[in-house]
């Protein structure tokens, strides 16, 4: 009696994690209505208790200085 061997149909490949697009994370139509201070507060509040991520919001001037 032959043994049945299952062969997977899909071959999987390793890929490095990459950042997601902002539109995949937030509803841009809602964010665009808010002030930058409100968006920063919401973003920081969302991430403050998340143990598996680090987030911080910087101003345009701070970004340009780092860039």
Protein backbone atom coordinates (compact mmCIF):
# COMPACT_ATOMS: atom_id res chain seq x y z
CA UNK A 1 0.00 0.00 0.00
CA UNK A 2 1.44 3.39 -1.02
CA UNK A 3 1.52 6.27 1.42
CA UNK A 4 -0.29 9.42 0.28
CA UNK A 5 2.01 12.47 0.26
CA UNK A 6 0.48 15.92 0.10
CA UNK A 7 2.35 18.46 -1.97
CA UNK A 8 1.55 22.10 -1.17
CA UNK A 9 0.21 24.14 -4.08
CA UNK A 10 1.75 27.38 -2.93
CA UNK A 11 5.42 28.00 -2.49
CA UNK A 12 6.19 30.58 0.12
CA UNK A 13 9.19 32.88 0.09
CA UNK A 14 10.75 34.92 2.84
CA UNK A 15 10.27 38.68 2.55
CA UNK A 16 11.60 41.40 4.77
CA UNK A 17 9.03 43.47 6.65
CA UNK A 18 8.36 46.80 5.04
CA UNK A 19 6.51 49.89 6.20
CA UNK A 20 2.89 50.13 5.22
CA UNK A 21 1.43 53.01 3.32
CA UNK A 22 -0.32 55.58 5.53
CA UNK A 23 -3.58 55.01 3.62
CA UNK A 24 -3.48 51.38 4.78
CA UNK A 25 -3.29 52.46 8.42
CA UNK A 26 -5.70 55.39 8.74
CA UNK A 27 -8.77 56.73 6.98
CA UNK A 28 -7.27 59.74 5.24
CA UNK A 29 -10.66 61.37 4.66
CA UNK A 30 -11.10 61.68 8.44
CA UNK A 31 -7.51 62.65 9.22
CA UNK A 32 -7.39 65.42 6.62
CA UNK A 33 -10.22 67.25 8.41
CA UNK A 34 -8.32 67.48 11.70
CA UNK A 35 -5.62 69.87 12.84
CA UNK A 36 -2.04 68.61 12.97
CA UNK A 37 -2.09 68.88 16.78
CA UNK A 38 -5.18 66.67 16.99
CA UNK A 39 -3.67 64.09 14.61
CA UNK A 40 -0.45 64.04 16.65
CA UNK A 41 -2.41 63.56 19.89
CA UNK A 42 -4.46 60.69 18.45
CA UNK A 43 -1.34 59.00 17.03
CA UNK A 44 0.59 59.30 20.30
CA UNK A 45 -2.38 58.17 22.39
CA UNK A 46 -2.90 55.11 20.18
CA UNK A 47 0.74 54.03 20.54
CA UNK A 48 1.38 54.86 24.21
CA UNK A 49 0.32 51.44 25.57
CA UNK A 50 1.49 49.28 22.67
CA UNK A 51 4.43 47.19 23.83
CA UNK A 52 5.39 46.01 20.34
CA UNK A 53 5.78 49.37 18.60
CA UNK A 54 7.44 52.72 19.02
CA UNK A 55 5.93 55.87 17.58
CA UNK A 56 6.65 59.53 17.77
CA UNK A 57 5.44 62.57 15.83
CA UNK A 58 7.82 65.34 14.79
CA UNK A 59 7.27 68.72 13.18
CA UNK A 60 8.13 69.50 9.60
CA UNK A 61 11.15 71.53 10.76
CA UNK A 62 12.42 68.64 12.87
CA UNK A 63 12.00 66.29 9.91
CA UNK A 64 13.89 68.61 7.58
CA UNK A 65 16.70 68.92 10.12
CA UNK A 66 16.99 65.14 10.38
CA UNK A 67 16.75 64.66 6.65
